[in-house]
Amino acid sequence: MLKNNVGSLITKEMLANYHELNLKKKEIETELNELKKAFNQYFDMAVGKDTRGDIAIGDYKLQRQVRVTEKYEQEDTVNRLEKLNFLDLIQKKPDEEKIKAALNLGLLKESDLVGCIKASSSLAIYVKRVE
């Protein structure tokens, strides 16, 4: 628990405002997602799936852009590179599932991996109304 003098920096009004804004945010995100879905359905019918398009109505212009992200399929690419003898283009990664299994079976000790595990944390704020 925070010390009393630090806690006075946060007021009931701030918590209430955060709570109300968060509720509105969820409603707005839901409505925006519904509109985006309708816009995408329109463009799918008007110009085709996964196709760029735009339309102007009054003072507004609606555009759909298509971003394509390409990734190498890991297993197929590794196999191909091995066959072509480009081993220096392959990165080795620890298999977390197998490591956990080896730990559970006692084949590997946690002390064997000291310094190998990186932990990260993220902060989240939740405000709920209590009656």
N, C-alpha and C. Protein backbone atom coordinates (compact mmCIF):
# COMPACT_ATOMS: atom_id res chain seq x y z
N MET A 1 0.84 -1.19 0.00
CA MET A 1 0.00 0.00 0.00
C MET A 1 0.89 1.25 0.00
N LEU A 2 0.42 2.29 -0.65
CA LEU A 2 1.20 3.53 -0.72
C LEU A 2 1.07 4.32 0.56
N LYS A 3 2.06 5.12 0.84
CA LYS A 3 1.99 6.01 2.00
C LYS A 3 0.88 7.02 1.78
N ASN A 4 0.28 7.49 2.85
CA ASN A 4 -0.86 8.39 2.75
C ASN A 4 -0.57 9.66 1.95
N ASN A 5 0.59 10.26 2.14
CA ASN A 5 0.87 11.51 1.43
C ASN A 5 1.02 11.30 -0.07
N VAL A 6 1.50 10.15 -0.50
CA VAL A 6 1.61 9.85 -1.93
C VAL A 6 0.22 9.55 -2.50
N GLY A 7 -0.60 8.85 -1.75
CA GLY A 7 -1.95 8.50 -2.20
C GLY A 7 -2.84 9.71 -2.42
N SER A 8 -2.54 10.83 -1.77
CA SER A 8 -3.37 12.02 -1.95
C SER A 8 -3.20 12.64 -3.33
N LEU A 9 -2.21 12.19 -4.09
CA LEU A 9 -2.04 12.67 -5.45
C LEU A 9 -3.11 12.12 -6.39
N ILE A 10 -3.74 11.05 -5.97
CA ILE A 10 -4.79 10.42 -6.77
C ILE A 10 -6.11 10.65 -6.06
N THR A 11 -7.06 11.20 -6.80
CA THR A 11 -8.35 11.52 -6.21
C THR A 11 -9.43 10.56 -6.69
N LYS A 12 -10.53 10.56 -5.97
CA LYS A 12 -11.69 9.75 -6.36
C LYS A 12 -12.19 10.20 -7.72
N GLU A 13 -12.15 11.49 -7.98
CA GLU A 13 -12.61 12.03 -9.26
C GLU A 13 -11.75 11.51 -10.42
N MET A 14 -10.44 11.42 -10.18
CA MET A 14 -9.54 10.89 -11.22
C MET A 14 -9.89 9.45 -11.54
N LEU A 15 -10.14 8.65 -10.49
CA LEU A 15 -10.49 7.25 -10.70
C LEU A 15 -11.82 7.12 -11.43
N ALA A 16 -12.80 7.92 -11.03
CA ALA A 16 -14.11 7.89 -11.68
C ALA A 16 -13.98 8.29 -13.15
N ASN A 17 -13.19 9.34 -13.41
CA ASN A 17 -13.00 9.80 -14.79
C ASN A 17 -12.32 8.73 -15.62
N TYR A 18 -11.28 8.09 -15.09
CA TYR A 18 -10.57 7.01 -15.79
C TYR A 18 -11.54 5.87 -16.11
N HIS A 19 -12.32 5.50 -15.13
CA HIS A 19 -13.28 4.40 -15.29
C HIS A 19 -14.28 4.71 -16.41
N GLU A 20 -14.85 5.89 -16.39
CA GLU A 20 -15.83 6.29 -17.40
C GLU A 20 -15.19 6.38 -18.79
N LEU A 21 -14.01 6.96 -18.88
CA LEU A 21 -13.32 7.06 -20.17
C LEU A 21 -12.98 5.69 -20.72
N ASN A 22 -12.59 4.77 -19.85
CA ASN A 22 -12.26 3.42 -20.29
C ASN A 22 -13.50 2.72 -20.84
N LEU A 23 -14.65 2.91 -20.20
CA LEU A 23 -15.90 2.33 -20.71
C LEU A 23 -16.24 2.92 -22.08
N LYS A 24 -16.10 4.23 -22.22
CA LYS A 24 -16.37 4.89 -23.51
C LYS A 24 -15.41 4.39 -24.58
N LYS A 25 -14.14 4.20 -24.19
CA LYS A 25 -13.12 3.72 -25.12
C LYS A 25 -13.53 2.37 -25.70
N LYS A 26 -14.00 1.48 -24.84
CA LYS A 26 -14.41 0.15 -25.30
C LYS A 26 -15.59 0.26 -26.26
N GLU A 27 -16.55 1.12 -25.94
CA GLU A 27 -17.71 1.32 -26.82
C GLU A 27 -17.27 1.89 -28.16
N ILE A 28 -16.37 2.86 -28.13
CA ILE A 28 -15.87 3.49 -29.35
C ILE A 28 -15.10 2.48 -30.20
N GLU A 29 -14.24 1.68 -29.56
CA GLU A 29 -13.48 0.67 -30.30
C GLU A 29 -14.40 -0.34 -30.97
N THR A 30 -15.47 -0.74 -30.28
CA THR A 30 -16.43 -1.67 -30.85
C THR A 30 -17.11 -1.05 -32.07
N GLU A 31 -17.53 0.19 -31.95
CA GLU A 31 -18.20 0.86 -33.06
C GLU A 31 -17.24 1.08 -34.23
N LEU A 32 -16.00 1.47 -33.94
CA LEU A 32 -15.01 1.64 -35.00
C LEU A 32 -14.75 0.33 -35.73
N ASN A 33 -14.66 -0.77 -35.00
CA ASN A 33 -14.45 -2.08 -35.63
C ASN A 33 -15.62 -2.47 -36.53
N GLU A 34 -16.84 -2.15 -36.11
CA GLU A 34 -18.02 -2.43 -36.94
C GLU A 34 -17.98 -1.61 -38.23
N LEU A 35 -17.60 -0.33 -38.11
CA LEU A 35 -17.49 0.52 -39.30
C LEU A 35 -16.39 0.03 -40.23
N LYS A 36 -15.24 -0.35 -39.69
CA LYS A 36 -14.15 -0.87 -40.51
C LYS A 36 -14.59 -2.12 -41.26
N LYS A 37 -15.34 -2.97 -40.58
CA LYS A 37 -15.83 -4.19 -41.21
C LYS A 37 -16.75 -3.85 -42.38
N ALA A 38 -17.63 -2.89 -42.18
CA ALA A 38 -18.54 -2.47 -43.25
C ALA A 38 -17.75 -1.87 -44.42
N PHE A 39 -16.75 -1.05 -44.12
CA PHE A 39 -15.94 -0.44 -45.17
C PHE A 39 -15.20 -1.52 -45.96
N ASN A 40 -14.63 -2.50 -45.26
CA ASN A 40 -13.92 -3.57 -45.95
C ASN A 40 -14.85 -4.42 -46.80
N GLN A 41 -16.07 -4.66 -46.32
CA GLN A 41 -17.04 -5.40 -47.11
C GLN A 41 -17.39 -4.64 -48.38
N TYR A 42 -17.54 -3.32 -48.26
CA TYR A 42 -17.81 -2.49 -49.43
C TYR A 42 -16.69 -2.62 -50.45
N PHE A 43 -15.44 -2.45 -50.01
CA PHE A 43 -14.31 -2.52 -50.92
C PHE A 43 -14.14 -3.92 -51.51
N ASP A 44 -14.43 -4.97 -50.71
CA ASP A 44 -14.37 -6.34 -51.24
C ASP A 44 -15.31 -6.48 -52.43
N MET A 45 -16.51 -5.92 -52.31
CA MET A 45 -17.50 -6.02 -53.40
C MET A 45 -17.16 -5.07 -54.55
N ALA A 46 -16.70 -3.87 -54.23
CA ALA A 46 -16.48 -2.84 -55.25
C ALA A 46 -15.20 -3.07 -56.07
N VAL A 47 -14.10 -3.43 -55.41
CA VAL A 47 -12.82 -3.55 -56.12
C VAL A 47 -12.17 -4.92 -55.98
N GLY A 48 -12.68 -5.77 -55.10
CA GLY A 48 -12.12 -7.10 -54.91
C GLY A 48 -11.38 -7.23 -53.59
N LYS A 49 -11.29 -8.47 -53.13
CA LYS A 49 -10.60 -8.74 -51.87
C LYS A 49 -9.13 -8.36 -51.97
N ASP A 50 -8.60 -7.89 -50.85
CA ASP A 50 -7.18 -7.53 -50.75
C ASP A 50 -6.73 -6.58 -51.87
N THR A 51 -7.62 -5.68 -52.25
CA THR A 51 -7.30 -4.72 -53.30
C THR A 51 -7.48 -3.31 -52.76
N ARG A 52 -6.56 -2.45 -53.12
CA ARG A 52 -6.60 -1.05 -52.71
C ARG A 52 -7.80 -0.37 -53.36
N GLY A 53 -8.39 0.56 -52.63
CA GLY A 53 -9.51 1.31 -53.20
C GLY A 53 -9.76 2.59 -52.44
N ASP A 54 -10.52 3.48 -53.05
CA ASP A 54 -10.91 4.70 -52.36
C ASP A 54 -12.23 5.20 -52.91
N ILE A 55 -12.91 5.97 -52.11
CA ILE A 55 -14.19 6.55 -52.49
C ILE A 55 -14.31 7.90 -51.78
N ALA A 56 -14.90 8.88 -52.49
CA ALA A 56 -15.13 10.19 -51.89
C ALA A 56 -16.64 10.40 -51.78
N ILE A 57 -17.05 10.79 -50.60
CA ILE A 57 -18.46 11.10 -50.35
C ILE A 57 -18.50 12.43 -49.61
N GLY A 58 -19.04 13.43 -50.27
CA GLY A 58 -19.09 14.76 -49.66
C GLY A 58 -17.69 15.25 -49.37
N ASP A 59 -17.48 15.68 -48.15
CA ASP A 59 -16.18 16.20 -47.74
C ASP A 59 -15.23 15.12 -47.24
N TYR A 60 -15.61 13.86 -47.36
CA TYR A 60 -14.81 12.76 -46.81
C TYR A 60 -14.29 11.86 -47.91
N LYS A 61 -13.09 11.35 -47.69
CA LYS A 61 -12.50 10.38 -48.59
C LYS A 61 -12.16 9.14 -47.77
N LEU A 62 -12.61 8.00 -48.22
CA LEU A 62 -12.35 6.73 -47.57
C LEU A 62 -11.37 5.95 -48.44
N GLN A 63 -10.30 5.49 -47.83
CA GLN A 63 -9.29 4.73 -48.55
C GLN A 63 -9.05 3.39 -47.86
N ARG A 64 -8.79 2.38 -48.67
CA ARG A 64 -8.31 1.12 -48.12
C ARG A 64 -6.94 0.87 -48.73
N GLN A 65 -5.97 0.69 -47.88
CA GLN A 65 -4.63 0.35 -48.32
C GLN A 65 -4.37 -1.11 -47.97
N VAL A 66 -3.53 -1.74 -48.72
CA VAL A 66 -3.20 -3.14 -48.47
C VAL A 66 -1.71 -3.21 -48.17
N ARG A 67 -1.39 -3.70 -47.00
CA ARG A 67 0.01 -3.88 -46.61
C ARG A 67 0.31 -5.38 -46.62
N VAL A 68 1.34 -5.74 -47.33
CA VAL A 68 1.73 -7.15 -47.41
C VAL A 68 3.03 -7.33 -46.63
N THR A 69 3.01 -8.28 -45.73
CA THR A 69 4.20 -8.61 -44.95
C THR A 69 4.63 -10.01 -45.34
N GLU A 70 5.88 -10.14 -45.70
CA GLU A 70 6.38 -11.45 -46.08
C GLU A 70 7.34 -11.96 -45.02
N LYS A 71 7.21 -13.24 -44.70
CA LYS A 71 8.11 -13.90 -43.76
C LYS A 71 8.53 -15.22 -44.39
N TYR A 72 9.74 -15.61 -44.13
CA TYR A 72 10.20 -16.90 -44.61
C TYR A 72 9.59 -18.00 -43.74
N GLU A 73 9.05 -19.02 -44.36
CA GLU A 73 8.54 -20.19 -43.65
C GLU A 73 9.75 -20.88 -43.03
N GLN A 74 9.77 -20.96 -41.70
CA GLN A 74 10.98 -21.36 -40.99
C GLN A 74 11.50 -22.73 -41.42
N GLU A 75 10.68 -23.76 -41.32
CA GLU A 75 11.17 -25.12 -41.56
C GLU A 75 11.60 -25.32 -43.02
N ASP A 76 10.77 -24.88 -43.96
CA ASP A 76 11.10 -25.04 -45.38
C ASP A 76 12.36 -24.27 -45.75
N THR A 77 12.49 -23.05 -45.23
CA THR A 77 13.65 -22.23 -45.55
C THR A 77 14.92 -22.85 -44.97
N VAL A 78 14.86 -23.33 -43.73
CA VAL A 78 16.03 -23.97 -43.11
C VAL A 78 16.44 -25.20 -43.92
N ASN A 79 15.47 -26.03 -44.30
CA ASN A 79 15.79 -27.22 -45.09
C ASN A 79 16.44 -26.85 -46.42
N ARG A 80 15.90 -25.85 -47.09
CA ARG A 80 16.44 -25.42 -48.38
C ARG A 80 17.86 -24.88 -48.22
N LEU A 81 18.07 -24.05 -47.20
CA LEU A 81 19.39 -23.47 -46.98
C LEU A 81 20.42 -24.55 -46.62
N GLU A 82 19.98 -25.57 -45.86
CA GLU A 82 20.89 -26.68 -45.54
C GLU A 82 21.29 -27.43 -46.81
N LYS A 83 20.30 -27.68 -47.69
CA LYS A 83 20.60 -28.38 -48.94
C LYS A 83 21.55 -27.57 -49.82
N LEU A 84 21.42 -26.25 -49.78
CA LEU A 84 22.27 -25.38 -50.58
C LEU A 84 23.60 -25.07 -49.88
N ASN A 85 23.79 -25.65 -48.68
CA ASN A 85 25.00 -25.48 -47.89
C ASN A 85 25.25 -24.01 -47.49
N PHE A 86 24.18 -23.33 -47.14
CA PHE A 86 24.27 -21.96 -46.63
C PHE A 86 23.97 -21.97 -45.14
N LEU A 87 24.73 -22.75 -44.38
CA LEU A 87 24.50 -22.93 -42.96
C LEU A 87 24.68 -21.63 -42.18
N ASP A 88 25.50 -20.71 -42.70
CA ASP A 88 25.73 -19.45 -42.01
C ASP A 88 24.51 -18.52 -42.09
N LEU A 89 23.52 -18.88 -42.89
CA LEU A 89 22.31 -18.07 -42.99
C LEU A 89 21.20 -18.57 -42.05
N ILE A 90 21.53 -19.59 -41.26
CA ILE A 90 20.54 -20.19 -40.37
C ILE A 90 20.88 -19.81 -38.93
N GLN A 91 19.87 -19.33 -38.20
CA GLN A 91 20.06 -19.00 -36.79
C GLN A 91 19.50 -20.13 -35.94
N LYS A 92 20.24 -20.46 -34.91
CA LYS A 92 19.76 -21.48 -33.98
C LYS A 92 19.01 -20.79 -32.85
N LYS A 93 17.91 -21.40 -32.41
CA LYS A 93 17.10 -20.87 -31.31
C LYS A 93 16.87 -21.97 -30.29
N PRO A 94 16.82 -21.59 -29.02
CA PRO A 94 16.46 -22.60 -28.01
C PRO A 94 14.99 -22.98 -28.15
N ASP A 95 14.70 -24.26 -28.02
CA ASP A 95 13.33 -24.75 -28.09
C ASP A 95 12.76 -24.76 -26.67
N GLU A 96 11.92 -23.76 -26.37
CA GLU A 96 11.43 -23.59 -25.00
C GLU A 96 10.61 -24.78 -24.51
N GLU A 97 9.82 -25.38 -25.39
CA GLU A 97 9.01 -26.54 -24.97
C GLU A 97 9.90 -27.71 -24.58
N LYS A 98 10.93 -27.96 -25.37
CA LYS A 98 11.84 -29.07 -25.07
C LYS A 98 12.64 -28.79 -23.81
N ILE A 99 13.01 -27.54 -23.59
CA ILE A 99 13.74 -27.17 -22.38
C ILE A 99 12.87 -27.43 -21.15
N LYS A 100 11.59 -27.01 -21.21
CA LYS A 100 10.68 -27.25 -20.09
C LYS A 100 10.48 -28.74 -19.86
N ALA A 101 10.38 -29.51 -20.93
CA ALA A 101 10.21 -30.96 -20.79
C ALA A 101 11.45 -31.58 -20.15
N ALA A 102 12.62 -31.14 -20.58
CA ALA A 102 13.87 -31.67 -20.00
C ALA A 102 13.98 -31.31 -18.53
N LEU A 103 13.53 -30.10 -18.16
CA LEU A 103 13.52 -29.71 -16.74
C LEU A 103 12.56 -30.59 -15.96
N ASN A 104 11.36 -30.81 -16.51
CA ASN A 104 10.36 -31.65 -15.83
C ASN A 104 10.83 -33.08 -15.66
N LEU A 105 11.56 -33.59 -16.63
CA LEU A 105 12.04 -34.97 -16.57
C LEU A 105 13.31 -35.10 -15.72
N GLY A 106 13.87 -33.98 -15.33
CA GLY A 106 15.08 -34.01 -14.51
C GLY A 106 16.35 -34.19 -15.31
N LEU A 107 16.25 -34.13 -16.64
CA LEU A 107 17.44 -34.25 -17.49
C LEU A 107 18.30 -33.00 -17.44
N LEU A 108 17.65 -31.88 -17.15
CA LEU A 108 18.30 -30.58 -17.09
C LEU A 108 17.92 -29.95 -15.76
N LYS A 109 18.88 -29.26 -15.14
CA LYS A 109 18.60 -28.59 -13.87
C LYS A 109 18.45 -27.10 -14.13
N GLU A 110 17.63 -26.45 -13.31
CA GLU A 110 17.47 -24.99 -13.44
C GLU A 110 18.80 -24.29 -13.25
N SER A 111 19.67 -24.86 -12.41
CA SER A 111 20.98 -24.26 -12.17
C SER A 111 21.84 -24.28 -13.43
N ASP A 112 21.55 -25.22 -14.35
CA ASP A 112 22.30 -25.28 -15.61
C ASP A 112 22.01 -24.07 -16.49
N LEU A 113 20.87 -23.42 -16.27
CA LEU A 113 20.45 -22.32 -17.13
C LEU A 113 20.50 -20.96 -16.45
N VAL A 114 21.21 -20.89 -15.30
CA VAL A 114 21.32 -19.62 -14.60
C VAL A 114 21.95 -18.59 -15.53
N GLY A 115 21.33 -17.43 -15.63
CA GLY A 115 21.83 -16.36 -16.49
C GLY A 115 21.31 -16.44 -17.92
N CYS A 116 20.56 -17.49 -18.23
CA CYS A 116 20.05 -17.65 -19.60
C CYS A 116 18.63 -17.11 -19.76
N ILE A 117 17.93 -16.91 -18.67
CA ILE A 117 16.53 -16.49 -18.74
C ILE A 117 16.44 -14.99 -18.55
N LYS A 118 15.76 -14.33 -19.47
CA LYS A 118 15.51 -12.89 -19.36
C LYS A 118 14.04 -12.70 -19.03
N ALA A 119 13.77 -11.92 -18.00
CA ALA A 119 12.39 -11.65 -17.61
C ALA A 119 12.07 -10.20 -17.97
N SER A 120 10.87 -9.99 -18.46
CA SER A 120 10.43 -8.63 -18.74
C SER A 120 9.06 -8.45 -18.10
N SER A 121 8.73 -7.21 -17.83
CA SER A 121 7.43 -6.96 -17.23
C SER A 121 6.81 -5.76 -17.93
N SER A 122 5.50 -5.71 -17.90
CA SER A 122 4.79 -4.56 -18.43
C SER A 122 3.79 -4.11 -17.38
N LEU A 123 3.47 -2.86 -17.41
CA LEU A 123 2.58 -2.29 -16.40
C LEU A 123 1.18 -2.16 -16.98
N ALA A 124 0.19 -2.46 -16.18
CA ALA A 124 -1.20 -2.32 -16.60
C ALA A 124 -1.97 -1.64 -15.48
N ILE A 125 -2.87 -0.77 -15.84
CA ILE A 125 -3.70 -0.05 -14.87
C ILE A 125 -5.13 -0.50 -15.06
N TYR A 126 -5.79 -0.88 -13.99
CA TYR A 126 -7.19 -1.26 -14.03
C TYR A 126 -7.92 -0.42 -12.98
N VAL A 127 -9.03 0.13 -13.38
CA VAL A 127 -9.87 0.83 -12.41
C VAL A 127 -11.25 0.22 -12.52
N LYS A 128 -11.76 -0.28 -11.41
CA LYS A 128 -13.10 -0.88 -11.37
C LYS A 128 -13.92 -0.14 -10.35
N ARG A 129 -15.18 -0.07 -10.60
CA ARG A 129 -16.08 0.57 -9.66
C ARG A 129 -16.49 -0.44 -8.61
N VAL A 130 -16.30 -0.09 -7.37
CA VAL A 130 -16.70 -0.97 -6.27
C VAL A 130 -17.89 -0.34 -5.56
N GLU A 131 -18.84 -1.15 -5.26
CA GLU A 131 -20.04 -0.65 -4.60
C GLU A 131 -19.93 -0.84 -3.10
